[in-house]
C-alpha atoms as a PDB file:
ATOM      1  CA  MET A   1     -74.236-116.727  -5.243  1.00  0.00           C
ATOM      2  CA  GLU A   2     -70.992-114.875  -5.539  1.00  0.00           C
ATOM      3  CA  LYS A   3     -67.914-116.637  -6.739  1.00  0.00           C
ATOM      4  CA  GLU A   4     -65.155-116.809  -4.173  1.00  0.00           C
ATOM      5  CA  GLN A   5     -62.351-114.538  -5.310  1.00  0.00           C
ATOM      6  CA  PRO A   6     -58.853-115.920  -4.846  1.00  0.00           C
ATOM      7  CA  LYS A   7     -56.985-114.045  -2.149  1.00  0.00           C
ATOM      8  CA  LYS A   8     -53.980-112.057  -3.186  1.00  0.00           C
ATOM      9  CA  SER A   9     -50.683-113.330  -1.974  1.00  0.00           C
ATOM     10  CA  SER A  10     -49.177-111.973   1.179  1.00  0.00           C
ATOM     11  CA  ARG A  11     -46.346-109.514   1.028  1.00  0.00           C
ATOM     12  CA  LYS A  12     -42.912-110.632  -0.018  1.00  0.00           C
ATOM     13  CA  PRO A  13     -39.699-109.058   1.319  1.00  0.00           C
ATOM     14  CA  TRP A  14     -39.287-106.898  -1.799  1.00  0.00           C
ATOM     15  CA  SER A  15     -42.781-105.473  -1.300  1.00  0.00           C
ATOM     16  CA  TYR A  16     -41.727-103.984   2.022  1.00  0.00           C
ATOM     17  CA  GLY A  17     -38.796-102.440   0.173  1.00  0.00           C
ATOM     18  CA  MET A  18     -41.261-100.809  -2.226  1.00  0.00           C
ATOM     19  CA  ILE A  19     -43.202 -99.304   0.673  1.00  0.00           C
ATOM     20  CA  VAL A  20     -40.026 -98.028   2.332  1.00  0.00           C
ATOM     21  CA  ALA A  21     -38.844 -96.560  -0.989  1.00  0.00           C
ATOM     22  CA  PHE A  22     -42.119 -94.691  -1.438  1.00  0.00           C
ATOM     23  CA  LEU A  23     -42.091 -93.370   2.121  1.00  0.00           C
ATOM     24  CA  LEU A  24     -38.504 -92.221   1.695  1.00  0.00           C
ATOM     25  CA  MET A  25     -39.514 -90.488  -1.549  1.00  0.00           C
ATOM     26  CA  ILE A  26     -42.079 -88.459   0.393  1.00  0.00           C
ATOM     27  CA  ILE A  27     -39.422 -87.469   2.905  1.00  0.00           C
ATOM     28  CA  LEU A  28     -36.451 -86.950   0.555  1.00  0.00           C
ATOM     29  CA  LEU A  29     -38.089 -85.714  -2.663  1.00  0.00           C
ATOM     30  CA  PRO A  30     -39.023 -82.171  -1.524  1.00  0.00           C
ATOM     31  CA  PRO A  31     -35.460 -80.933  -0.912  1.00  0.00           C
ATOM     32  CA  LEU A  32     -34.249 -82.575  -4.133  1.00  0.00           C
ATOM     33  CA  LEU A  33     -37.083 -81.188  -6.271  1.00  0.00           C
ATOM     34  CA  HIS A  34     -36.716 -77.778  -4.671  1.00  0.00           C
ATOM     35  CA  LEU A  35     -33.513 -77.356  -6.666  1.00  0.00           C
ATOM     36  CA  PHE A  36     -35.438 -77.668  -9.945  1.00  0.00           C
ATOM     37  CA  ALA A  37     -39.075 -76.763  -9.266  1.00  0.00           C
ATOM     38  CA  GLY A  38     -41.294 -74.519  -7.200  1.00  0.00           C
ATOM     39  CA  GLY A  39     -43.450 -75.427  -4.238  1.00  0.00           C
ATOM     40  CA  GLY A  40     -46.595 -75.968  -6.295  1.00  0.00           C
ATOM     41  CA  VAL A  41     -44.889 -78.565  -8.470  1.00  0.00           C
ATOM     42  CA  ILE A  42     -43.615 -80.384  -5.386  1.00  0.00           C
ATOM     43  CA  LEU A  43     -47.095 -80.387  -3.849  1.00  0.00           C
ATOM     44  CA  VAL A  44     -48.729 -81.740  -7.002  1.00  0.00           C
ATOM     45  CA  ALA A  45     -45.998 -84.392  -7.319  1.00  0.00           C
ATOM     46  CA  LEU A  46     -46.538 -85.551  -3.727  1.00  0.00           C
ATOM     47  CA  LEU A  47     -50.322 -85.695  -4.144  1.00  0.00           C
ATOM     48  CA  LEU A  48     -50.092 -87.621  -7.424  1.00  0.00           C
ATOM     49  CA  MET A  49     -47.540 -90.002  -5.910  1.00  0.00           C
ATOM     50  CA  ALA A  50     -49.918 -90.749  -3.032  1.00  0.00           C
ATOM     51  CA  LEU A  51     -52.697 -91.611  -5.486  1.00  0.00           C
ATOM     52  CA  VAL A  52     -50.528 -93.653  -7.859  1.00  0.00           C
ATOM     53  CA  PHE A  53     -48.630 -95.581  -5.204  1.00  0.00           C
ATOM     54  CA  GLY A  54     -51.868 -96.285  -3.311  1.00  0.00           C
ATOM     55  CA  PHE A  55     -53.232 -97.746  -6.548  1.00  0.00           C
ATOM     56  CA  LEU A  56     -50.075 -99.780  -7.209  1.00  0.00           C
ATOM     57  CA  ASP A  57     -49.901-101.111  -3.657  1.00  0.00           C
ATOM     58  CA  ALA A  58     -53.501-102.336  -3.812  1.00  0.00           C
ATOM     59  CA  LYS A  59     -53.217-103.666  -7.366  1.00  0.00           C
ATOM     60  CA  ILE A  60     -50.028-105.635  -6.746  1.00  0.00           C
ATOM     61  CA  PHE A  61     -50.790-106.813  -3.222  1.00  0.00           C
ATOM     62  CA  ARG A  62     -54.126-105.959  -1.620  1.00  0.00           C
ATOM     63  CA  PHE A  63     -56.022-102.982  -0.301  1.00  0.00           C
ATOM     64  CA  THR A  64     -55.367-102.129   3.331  1.00  0.00           C
ATOM     65  CA  ALA A  65     -55.876 -98.999   5.368  1.00  0.00           C
ATOM     66  CA  SER A  66     -52.307 -99.212   6.643  1.00  0.00           C
ATOM     67  CA  PHE A  67     -50.720 -97.862   3.454  1.00  0.00           C
ATOM     68  CA  PRO A  68     -52.651 -94.555   3.477  1.00  0.00           C
ATOM     69  CA  LEU A  69     -51.833 -94.136   7.172  1.00  0.00           C
ATOM     70  CA  LEU A  70     -48.141 -94.712   6.456  1.00  0.00           C
ATOM     71  CA  VAL A  71     -48.346 -92.087   3.715  1.00  0.00           C
ATOM     72  CA  GLY A  72     -49.791 -89.679   6.263  1.00  0.00           C
ATOM     73  CA  ALA A  73     -47.023 -90.449   8.751  1.00  0.00           C
ATOM     74  CA  ALA A  74     -44.330 -89.928   6.113  1.00  0.00           C
ATOM     75  CA  TYR A  75     -45.876 -86.626   5.023  1.00  0.00           C
ATOM     76  CA  PHE A  76     -46.058 -85.518   8.660  1.00  0.00           C
ATOM     77  CA  ILE A  77     -42.315 -86.152   9.001  1.00  0.00           C
ATOM     78  CA  ALA A  78     -41.598 -84.287   5.750  1.00  0.00           C
ATOM     79  CA  MET A  79     -43.890 -81.464   6.837  1.00  0.00           C
ATOM     80  CA  GLN A  80     -42.019 -81.047  10.108  1.00  0.00           C
ATOM     81  CA  MET A  81     -38.680 -81.079   8.304  1.00  0.00           C
ATOM     82  CA  TYR A  82     -39.313 -78.922   5.226  1.00  0.00           C
ATOM     83  CA  PHE A  83     -42.664 -77.159   5.094  1.00  0.00           C
ATOM     84  CA  ASN A  84     -44.276 -74.333   7.021  1.00  0.00           C
ATOM     85  CA  ALA A  85     -47.006 -74.878   9.610  1.00  0.00           C
ATOM     86  CA  GLY A  86     -49.820 -74.125   7.161  1.00  0.00           C
ATOM     87  CA  THR A  87     -49.149 -77.201   5.055  1.00  0.00           C
ATOM     88  CA  TRP A  88     -50.807 -79.511   7.583  1.00  0.00           C
ATOM     89  CA  ILE A  89     -53.972 -79.174   5.475  1.00  0.00           C
ATOM     90  CA  TYR A  90     -52.408 -81.392   2.795  1.00  0.00           C
ATOM     91  CA  LEU A  91     -51.879 -84.294   5.216  1.00  0.00           C
ATOM     92  CA  PRO A  92     -55.515 -85.519   5.197  1.00  0.00           C
ATOM     93  CA  ILE A  93     -55.664 -84.919   1.443  1.00  0.00           C
ATOM     94  CA  MET A  94     -52.643 -87.187   0.912  1.00  0.00           C
ATOM     95  CA  VAL A  95     -54.168 -89.878   3.137  1.00  0.00           C
ATOM     96  CA  ILE A  96     -57.486 -89.665   1.287  1.00  0.00           C
ATOM     97  CA  LEU A  97     -55.771 -89.816  -2.122  1.00  0.00           C
ATOM     98  CA  ALA A  98     -53.744 -92.886  -1.084  1.00  0.00           C
ATOM     99  CA  PHE A  99     -56.979 -94.450   0.206  1.00  0.00           C
ATOM    100  CA  VAL A 100     -58.816 -93.662  -3.058  1.00  0.00           C
ATOM    101  CA  GLY A 101     -55.906 -95.031  -5.099  1.00  0.00           C
ATOM    102  CA  GLY A 102     -56.026 -98.238  -3.071  1.00  0.00           C
ATOM    103  CA  ALA A 103     -59.792 -98.508  -3.503  1.00  0.00           C
ATOM    104  CA  LEU A 104     -59.413 -98.104  -7.274  1.00  0.00           C
ATOM    105  CA  GLY A 105     -56.595-100.641  -7.385  1.00  0.00           C
ATOM    106  CA  ASP A 106     -58.477-103.337  -5.456  1.00  0.00           C
ATOM    107  CA  PRO A 107     -62.248-102.719  -5.415  1.00  0.00           C
ATOM    108  CA  GLN A 108     -62.906-106.176  -3.947  1.00  0.00           C
ATOM    109  CA  GLY A 109     -60.557-105.419  -1.075  1.00  0.00           C
ATOM    110  CA  MET A 110     -62.327-102.115  -0.508  1.00  0.00           C
ATOM    111  CA  ARG A 111     -65.660-103.890  -0.149  1.00  0.00           C
ATOM    112  CA  SER A 112     -64.209-106.359   2.343  1.00  0.00           C
ATOM    113  CA  LEU A 113     -62.427-103.717   4.445  1.00  0.00           C
ATOM    114  CA  GLY A 114     -63.294-104.289   8.077  1.00  0.00           C
ATOM    115  CA  GLU A 115     -64.756-107.756   7.558  1.00  0.00           C
ATOM    116  CA  GLU A 116     -63.389-110.679   9.477  1.00  0.00           C
ATOM    117  CA  ASP A 117     -61.841-113.526   7.488  1.00  0.00           C
END
């Protein structure tokens, strides 16, 4: 028999602030970094941020599919504002990296994804 894992606590108000801050970083970071770095550095930074923040979100709270989808929505907004049309290819990569980060941060939550409580 498996031991029942304690459920992680629900989100607190500050946790929503963390999500908003990360989404704003995706939208606001490219024009700020563009002053100091090239496009490749910005791309790598965005991809690493998706992975790391997906991990942190799942580790601190719990794994959900909503965070990677929000990352995708934020990148879509940034893509429309700053990048050329060919950068759409990075949108699914960012979503997948945020999903993988979440799965690494909360493996138990990954296994229970889609199950009813």
